[in-house]
């Protein structure tokens, strides 16, 4: 198993970076994805506070670099299996922001016509085969999608996101075992934000790294700094290439941290204040801003322009959601089975 020690960052101080192996388009892509996810989630947090979004929310704020880095390494035809904390995965893979916002509102204009909500977003046209609210349930779904891709010889790779809590579920072990046995084209991505709801990972497993378990299934495993979009991209790019070439599955563990509680109603008081401050100093948004500036990919003015475009997009998405009609009750039984 490969392990990379996450770099430390204090204020504006950051080690010198090497960008020779990264195309400017990929750096800009990372910047756009990370910025979009952050602004979308902040808007959703605001709208939920106004009682405009039903149910609950599991925000992705703080983990943006994982979804962005992995999805930047994928091809448009590749697939993504998401989780209950899946807004970032869907946006990074190209799901329509307006229809996605409408789905959170439960509106007829949503990606799932308002029937899925925050935890069940699907956009097959963008390669998002579904989010699921049941912890670890996405793993066997991803394995099934990878088996389909293998049987069809489509060349597709399936990226399966899950949290550290899911790695202690039986379906995790069953899925990795079967994927390895059949050499399926699936990239397992563990977003280790250190807490399964309010339970710290050290109280749930003995191993320090989830990726250490990869060797039990004969597949490579790697740990990277999940708050560093560039390093996630580099690791995912290498893993995706190996998976696509037929070498079998890969387990990538991204050490990251959610800025807020488990769900919208969780104040997260079980986490030490010093720990929260430490991770917020390593904010994925600030890090990618530094990267595009240091690499010369974007001038400060160009970066600000992109962020302004994203703000406009998010505002349009909010307006679209609020103006979309509610679903007609007569359609409740539609789309249950494929015609």
Protein backbone atom coordinates (compact mmCIF):
# COMPACT_ATOMS: atom_id res chain seq x y z
CA UNK A 1 0.00 0.00 0.00
CA UNK A 2 1.24 3.47 -0.88
CA UNK A 3 0.88 6.22 1.71
CA UNK A 4 1.46 9.92 1.23
CA UNK A 5 1.77 12.06 4.34
CA UNK A 6 -0.64 15.00 4.06
CA UNK A 7 1.32 18.23 3.91
CA UNK A 8 0.77 20.77 6.65
CA UNK A 9 -0.30 24.29 5.89
CA UNK A 10 -0.16 27.24 8.26
CA UNK A 11 -1.96 30.36 7.12
CA UNK A 12 -0.54 31.48 3.78
CA UNK A 13 2.61 29.35 4.03
CA UNK A 14 2.68 26.43 1.63
CA UNK A 15 5.52 24.23 0.32
CA UNK A 16 6.71 24.79 -3.25
CA UNK A 17 4.63 22.81 -5.73
CA UNK A 18 5.57 21.03 -8.95
CA UNK A 19 3.05 21.30 -11.78
CA UNK A 20 5.06 19.85 -14.65
CA UNK A 21 2.95 16.69 -14.91
CA UNK A 22 -0.39 18.51 -14.84
CA UNK A 23 -2.11 20.11 -17.82
CA UNK A 24 -3.44 23.65 -17.29
CA UNK A 25 -6.89 22.42 -18.34
CA UNK A 26 -6.89 19.90 -15.50
CA UNK A 27 -5.84 22.51 -12.94
CA UNK A 28 -8.58 24.85 -14.13
CA UNK A 29 -11.03 21.95 -14.09
CA UNK A 30 -10.15 21.24 -10.47
CA UNK A 31 -10.57 24.90 -9.60
CA UNK A 32 -14.00 25.07 -11.25
CA UNK A 33 -15.25 21.85 -9.66
CA UNK A 34 -14.07 22.69 -6.14
CA UNK A 35 -15.45 26.23 -6.38
CA UNK A 36 -18.80 25.04 -7.72
CA UNK A 37 -19.26 22.44 -5.00
CA UNK A 38 -18.38 24.91 -2.22
CA UNK A 39 -20.70 27.65 -3.49
CA UNK A 40 -23.53 25.20 -4.18
CA UNK A 41 -23.31 23.75 -0.69
CA UNK A 42 -23.15 27.15 0.98
CA UNK A 43 -26.28 28.21 -0.92
CA UNK A 44 -28.05 25.01 0.02
CA UNK A 45 -27.14 25.61 3.67
CA UNK A 46 -28.67 29.08 3.43
CA UNK A 47 -31.87 27.91 1.71
CA UNK A 48 -32.38 25.03 4.13
CA UNK A 49 -32.20 27.52 6.99
CA UNK A 50 -35.15 29.31 5.38
CA UNK A 51 -37.22 26.09 5.40
CA UNK A 52 -37.22 25.94 1.60
CA UNK A 53 -35.67 22.46 1.37
CA UNK A 54 -37.53 19.51 2.93
CA UNK A 55 -35.97 16.63 4.83
CA UNK A 56 -32.37 16.89 5.93
CA UNK A 57 -28.98 17.50 4.33
CA UNK A 58 -25.53 15.94 4.54
CA UNK A 59 -23.31 18.71 3.25
CA UNK A 60 -20.05 18.11 1.40
CA UNK A 61 -18.37 21.32 2.58
CA UNK A 62 -14.70 20.64 3.29
CA UNK A 63 -14.44 17.47 1.19
CA UNK A 64 -14.64 19.13 -2.24
CA UNK A 65 -11.14 18.09 -3.32
CA UNK A 66 -12.02 14.39 -3.26
CA UNK A 67 -14.93 14.53 -5.70
CA UNK A 68 -13.16 17.08 -7.88
CA UNK A 69 -9.87 15.21 -8.03
CA UNK A 70 -11.42 11.84 -8.80
CA UNK A 71 -13.94 13.09 -11.36
CA UNK A 72 -11.31 15.21 -13.13
CA UNK A 73 -9.46 11.93 -13.76
CA UNK A 74 -12.53 10.24 -15.29
CA UNK A 75 -13.80 10.28 -18.86
CA UNK A 76 -17.32 11.53 -19.67
CA UNK A 77 -18.56 7.98 -20.29
CA UNK A 78 -17.27 6.71 -16.92
CA UNK A 79 -19.71 6.18 -14.07
CA UNK A 80 -20.00 7.38 -10.47
CA UNK A 81 -21.80 5.72 -7.56
CA UNK A 82 -22.55 8.23 -4.83
CA UNK A 83 -23.61 8.29 -1.16
CA UNK A 84 -25.89 10.14 1.25
CA UNK A 85 -23.28 12.95 1.17
CA UNK A 86 -23.33 13.08 -2.59
CA UNK A 87 -23.93 16.62 -3.85
CA UNK A 88 -20.23 17.07 -4.57
CA UNK A 89 -19.86 13.82 -6.51
CA UNK A 90 -22.82 14.66 -8.73
CA UNK A 91 -21.67 18.21 -9.48
CA UNK A 92 -18.08 17.11 -10.13
CA UNK A 93 -19.28 14.51 -12.62
CA UNK A 94 -21.34 17.09 -14.49
CA UNK A 95 -24.88 16.79 -13.16
CA UNK A 96 -27.04 19.78 -14.11
CA UNK A 97 -26.89 22.25 -11.21
CA UNK A 98 -30.34 23.76 -11.79
CA UNK A 99 -32.17 20.44 -11.97
CA UNK A 100 -30.10 19.13 -9.08
CA UNK A 101 -31.12 22.08 -6.90
CA UNK A 102 -34.75 21.49 -7.89
CA UNK A 103 -34.39 17.88 -6.80
CA UNK A 104 -33.27 19.00 -3.35
CA UNK A 105 -36.44 21.12 -3.22
CA UNK A 106 -38.55 18.09 -4.18
CA UNK A 107 -39.78 19.83 -7.32
CA UNK A 108 -41.03 18.35 -10.59
CA UNK A 109 -38.15 19.99 -12.46
CA UNK A 110 -35.60 18.00 -10.46
CA UNK A 111 -33.31 15.35 -11.84
CA UNK A 112 -35.57 12.66 -10.36
CA UNK A 113 -38.77 14.72 -10.72
CA UNK A 114 -38.65 15.53 -7.03
CA UNK A 115 -38.91 11.90 -5.93
CA UNK A 116 -35.33 11.37 -4.79
CA UNK A 117 -34.27 14.45 -2.87
CA UNK A 118 -30.82 15.07 -1.46
CA UNK A 119 -29.84 11.46 -0.80
CA UNK A 120 -31.06 9.83 -4.02
CA UNK A 121 -29.83 12.05 -6.84
CA UNK A 122 -29.38 10.34 -10.20
CA UNK A 123 -28.29 11.77 -13.54
CA UNK A 124 -27.53 8.94 -15.94
CA UNK A 125 -26.77 11.40 -18.75
CA UNK A 126 -23.82 12.67 -16.68
CA UNK A 127 -22.73 9.19 -15.60
CA UNK A 128 -24.16 9.48 -12.09
CA UNK A 129 -25.83 6.10 -11.62
CA UNK A 130 -27.24 7.09 -8.25
CA UNK A 131 -26.79 8.24 -4.70
CA UNK A 132 -28.09 6.17 -1.82
CA UNK A 133 -29.01 7.01 1.74
CA UNK A 134 -28.10 3.57 3.11
CA UNK A 135 -24.50 3.43 4.33
CA UNK A 136 -22.33 1.05 2.23
CA UNK A 137 -25.20 0.11 -0.10
CA UNK A 138 -23.53 1.79 -3.05
CA UNK A 139 -20.58 -0.61 -3.05
CA UNK A 140 -22.40 -3.67 -4.47
CA UNK A 141 -24.24 -1.40 -6.93
CA UNK A 142 -20.91 -0.15 -8.22
CA UNK A 143 -19.64 -3.71 -8.54
CA UNK A 144 -22.71 -4.58 -10.58
CA UNK A 145 -22.17 -1.59 -12.85
CA UNK A 146 -18.51 -2.56 -13.27
CA UNK A 147 -19.50 -6.12 -14.15
CA UNK A 148 -21.86 -4.73 -16.80
CA UNK A 149 -19.07 -2.56 -18.21
CA UNK A 150 -16.74 -5.55 -18.32
CA UNK A 151 -19.31 -7.79 -20.04
CA UNK A 152 -20.12 -5.09 -22.59
CA UNK A 153 -16.41 -4.33 -23.12
CA UNK A 154 -17.36 -0.65 -22.88
CA UNK A 155 -14.04 0.51 -21.47
CA UNK A 156 -15.86 2.33 -18.68
CA UNK A 157 -14.53 2.74 -15.16
CA UNK A 158 -16.86 2.99 -12.16
CA UNK A 159 -15.81 5.29 -9.31
CA UNK A 160 -17.50 4.24 -6.07
CA UNK A 161 -17.46 6.78 -3.24
CA UNK A 162 -18.07 5.75 0.38
CA UNK A 163 -17.12 6.88 3.87
CA UNK A 164 -14.93 5.40 6.58
CA UNK A 165 -18.03 4.14 8.39
CA UNK A 166 -19.03 2.09 5.35
CA UNK A 167 -15.69 0.28 5.42
CA UNK A 168 -16.82 -1.61 8.52
CA UNK A 169 -19.96 -2.90 6.81
CA UNK A 170 -20.06 -6.42 5.42
CA UNK A 171 -20.93 -5.19 1.93
CA UNK A 172 -17.57 -3.40 1.78
CA UNK A 173 -15.69 -6.67 2.17
CA UNK A 174 -18.01 -8.62 -0.12
CA UNK A 175 -17.77 -5.96 -2.82
CA UNK A 176 -13.99 -5.67 -2.75
CA UNK A 177 -13.62 -9.44 -2.74
CA UNK A 178 -15.87 -9.99 -5.76
CA UNK A 179 -14.44 -7.05 -7.70
CA UNK A 180 -10.93 -8.37 -7.16
CA UNK A 181 -11.88 -11.94 -8.01
CA UNK A 182 -13.34 -10.88 -11.36
CA UNK A 183 -10.86 -8.03 -11.98
CA UNK A 184 -13.69 -5.55 -12.41
CA UNK A 185 -13.04 -1.96 -13.55
CA UNK A 186 -13.99 -0.19 -10.31
CA UNK A 187 -12.14 2.47 -8.34
CA UNK A 188 -13.19 2.32 -4.69
CA UNK A 189 -12.81 5.78 -3.12
CA UNK A 190 -12.97 5.97 0.66
CA UNK A 191 -13.60 9.50 1.92
CA UNK A 192 -12.21 9.18 5.41
CA UNK A 193 -13.43 12.27 7.25
CA UNK A 194 -12.53 10.58 10.58
CA UNK A 195 -16.11 10.32 11.85
CA UNK A 196 -19.01 7.98 11.11
CA UNK A 197 -21.75 10.32 12.31
CA UNK A 198 -20.35 11.05 15.80
CA UNK A 199 -18.07 8.02 16.16
CA UNK A 200 -14.38 8.65 15.58
CA UNK A 201 -12.72 6.06 13.36
CA UNK A 202 -10.20 5.11 16.08
CA UNK A 203 -13.12 3.76 18.13
CA UNK A 204 -14.40 1.64 15.25
CA UNK A 205 -11.31 0.02 13.73
CA UNK A 206 -7.78 -0.90 14.80
CA UNK A 207 -6.00 -0.12 11.55
CA UNK A 208 -4.92 3.46 10.95
CA UNK A 209 -5.80 3.34 7.26
CA UNK A 210 -8.80 1.87 5.47
CA UNK A 211 -6.53 1.36 2.47
CA UNK A 212 -4.53 -1.19 4.49
CA UNK A 213 -7.40 -3.59 3.89
CA UNK A 214 -6.77 -3.62 0.14
CA UNK A 215 -4.03 -6.23 0.44
CA UNK A 216 -6.52 -8.73 1.86
CA UNK A 217 -8.26 -8.71 -1.52
CA UNK A 218 -5.17 -8.66 -3.69
CA UNK A 219 -5.65 -5.12 -4.93
CA UNK A 220 -3.48 -2.03 -4.61
CA UNK A 221 -4.35 0.57 -1.97
CA UNK A 222 -3.18 4.12 -1.54
CA UNK A 223 -3.66 6.92 0.99
CA UNK A 224 -3.59 10.56 -0.11
CA UNK A 225 -4.35 13.97 1.35
CA UNK A 226 -8.04 14.34 0.56
CA UNK A 227 -7.95 18.11 1.08
CA UNK A 228 -5.44 18.54 -1.75
CA UNK A 229 -7.28 18.47 -5.08
CA UNK A 230 -4.11 18.20 -7.11
CA UNK A 231 -2.79 15.20 -5.19
CA UNK A 232 -6.17 13.47 -5.31
CA UNK A 233 -6.23 14.03 -9.07
CA UNK A 234 -2.73 12.65 -9.54
CA UNK A 235 -3.50 9.54 -7.51
CA UNK A 236 -6.87 9.02 -9.19
CA UNK A 237 -5.39 9.50 -12.66
CA UNK A 238 -2.84 6.75 -12.02
CA UNK A 239 -5.44 4.45 -10.46
CA UNK A 240 -8.01 4.97 -13.22
CA UNK A 241 -5.41 4.17 -15.87
CA UNK A 242 -4.55 0.90 -14.13
CA UNK A 243 -8.19 -0.05 -13.63
CA UNK A 244 -9.09 0.77 -17.24
CA UNK A 245 -6.22 -1.31 -18.57
CA UNK A 246 -7.68 -4.44 -16.99
CA UNK A 247 -5.49 -4.71 -13.89
CA UNK A 248 -8.55 -4.93 -11.65
CA UNK A 249 -9.95 -2.71 -8.87
CA UNK A 250 -8.11 -0.13 -6.81
CA UNK A 251 -8.75 1.24 -3.30
CA UNK A 252 -7.97 4.95 -2.88
CA UNK A 253 -8.34 6.42 0.60
CA UNK A 254 -8.61 10.20 0.86
CA UNK A 255 -8.06 11.67 4.32
CA UNK A 256 -10.38 14.66 4.61
CA UNK A 257 -12.72 16.47 6.98
CA UNK A 258 -16.24 17.85 6.83
CA UNK A 259 -16.52 21.44 8.00
CA UNK A 260 -19.95 20.94 9.54
CA UNK A 261 -21.73 18.21 11.47
CA UNK A 262 -22.87 14.91 10.03
CA UNK A 263 -26.20 16.37 8.92
CA UNK A 264 -27.78 19.82 8.87
CA UNK A 265 -29.13 19.34 12.40
CA UNK A 266 -25.85 18.09 13.91
CA UNK A 267 -23.78 20.82 15.64
CA UNK A 268 -20.74 18.50 15.68
CA UNK A 269 -19.82 19.25 19.31
CA UNK A 270 -18.14 15.84 19.65
CA UNK A 271 -15.17 17.15 17.65
CA UNK A 272 -12.45 19.10 19.49
CA UNK A 273 -12.28 22.78 18.50
CA UNK A 274 -8.53 22.52 17.91
CA UNK A 275 -9.06 19.65 15.49
CA UNK A 276 -11.68 21.57 13.53
CA UNK A 277 -9.39 24.62 13.31
CA UNK A 278 -6.48 22.44 12.14
CA UNK A 279 -8.45 21.02 9.24
CA UNK A 280 -10.06 24.30 8.24
CA UNK A 281 -6.55 25.74 7.87
CA UNK A 282 -6.11 23.14 5.12
CA UNK A 283 -9.24 24.23 3.24
CA UNK A 284 -9.49 22.67 -0.27
CA UNK A 285 -10.78 25.91 -1.80
CA UNK A 286 -7.85 27.99 -0.56
CA UNK A 287 -5.37 25.34 -1.65
CA UNK A 288 -6.63 25.13 -5.23
CA UNK A 289 -6.66 28.93 -5.44
CA UNK A 290 -2.99 28.92 -4.51
CA UNK A 291 -2.24 26.17 -7.00
CA UNK A 292 -3.77 27.86 -10.06
CA UNK A 293 -2.04 31.11 -9.14
CA UNK A 294 1.37 29.54 -8.48
CA UNK A 295 1.18 27.44 -11.65
CA UNK A 296 0.24 30.50 -13.70
CA UNK A 297 -2.91 28.75 -14.90
CA UNK A 298 -5.21 31.59 -13.88
CA UNK A 299 -4.53 35.20 -13.02
CA UNK A 300 -6.26 36.47 -9.87
CA UNK A 301 -8.67 38.38 -12.10
CA UNK A 302 -9.49 35.27 -14.16
CA UNK A 303 -10.02 33.20 -11.02
CA UNK A 304 -12.34 35.83 -9.58
CA UNK A 305 -14.21 35.90 -12.89
CA UNK A 306 -14.77 32.13 -12.78
CA UNK A 307 -15.98 32.33 -9.20
CA UNK A 308 -18.39 35.10 -10.20
CA UNK A 309 -19.72 32.92 -13.04
CA UNK A 310 -20.25 30.10 -10.57
CA UNK A 311 -22.08 32.41 -8.16
CA UNK A 312 -24.43 33.39 -10.98
CA UNK A 313 -24.99 29.72 -11.86
CA UNK A 314 -25.82 28.84 -8.26
CA UNK A 315 -28.21 31.78 -7.97
CA UNK A 316 -29.94 30.70 -11.20
CA UNK A 317 -30.19 27.18 -9.84
CA UNK A 318 -31.84 28.49 -6.68
CA UNK A 319 -34.34 30.55 -8.68
CA UNK A 320 -35.08 27.62 -10.97
CA UNK A 321 -35.75 25.39 -7.97
CA UNK A 322 -38.02 27.90 -6.25
CA UNK A 323 -39.99 28.56 -9.44
CA UNK A 324 -40.36 24.90 -10.43
CA UNK A 325 -43.82 23.37 -9.79
CA UNK A 326 -44.48 20.71 -7.20
CA UNK A 327 -44.92 17.17 -8.56
CA UNK A 328 -48.45 16.18 -9.52
CA UNK A 329 -49.67 13.62 -6.96
CA UNK A 330 -51.04 11.52 -9.85
CA UNK A 331 -47.45 10.77 -10.95
CA UNK A 332 -46.46 9.10 -7.66
CA UNK A 333 -46.45 5.61 -9.21
CA UNK A 334 -44.62 6.63 -12.37
CA UNK A 335 -40.95 5.70 -12.86
CA UNK A 336 -41.16 2.89 -10.32
CA UNK A 337 -40.49 0.30 -13.01
CA UNK A 338 -38.78 0.76 -16.34
CA UNK A 339 -41.31 0.66 -19.17
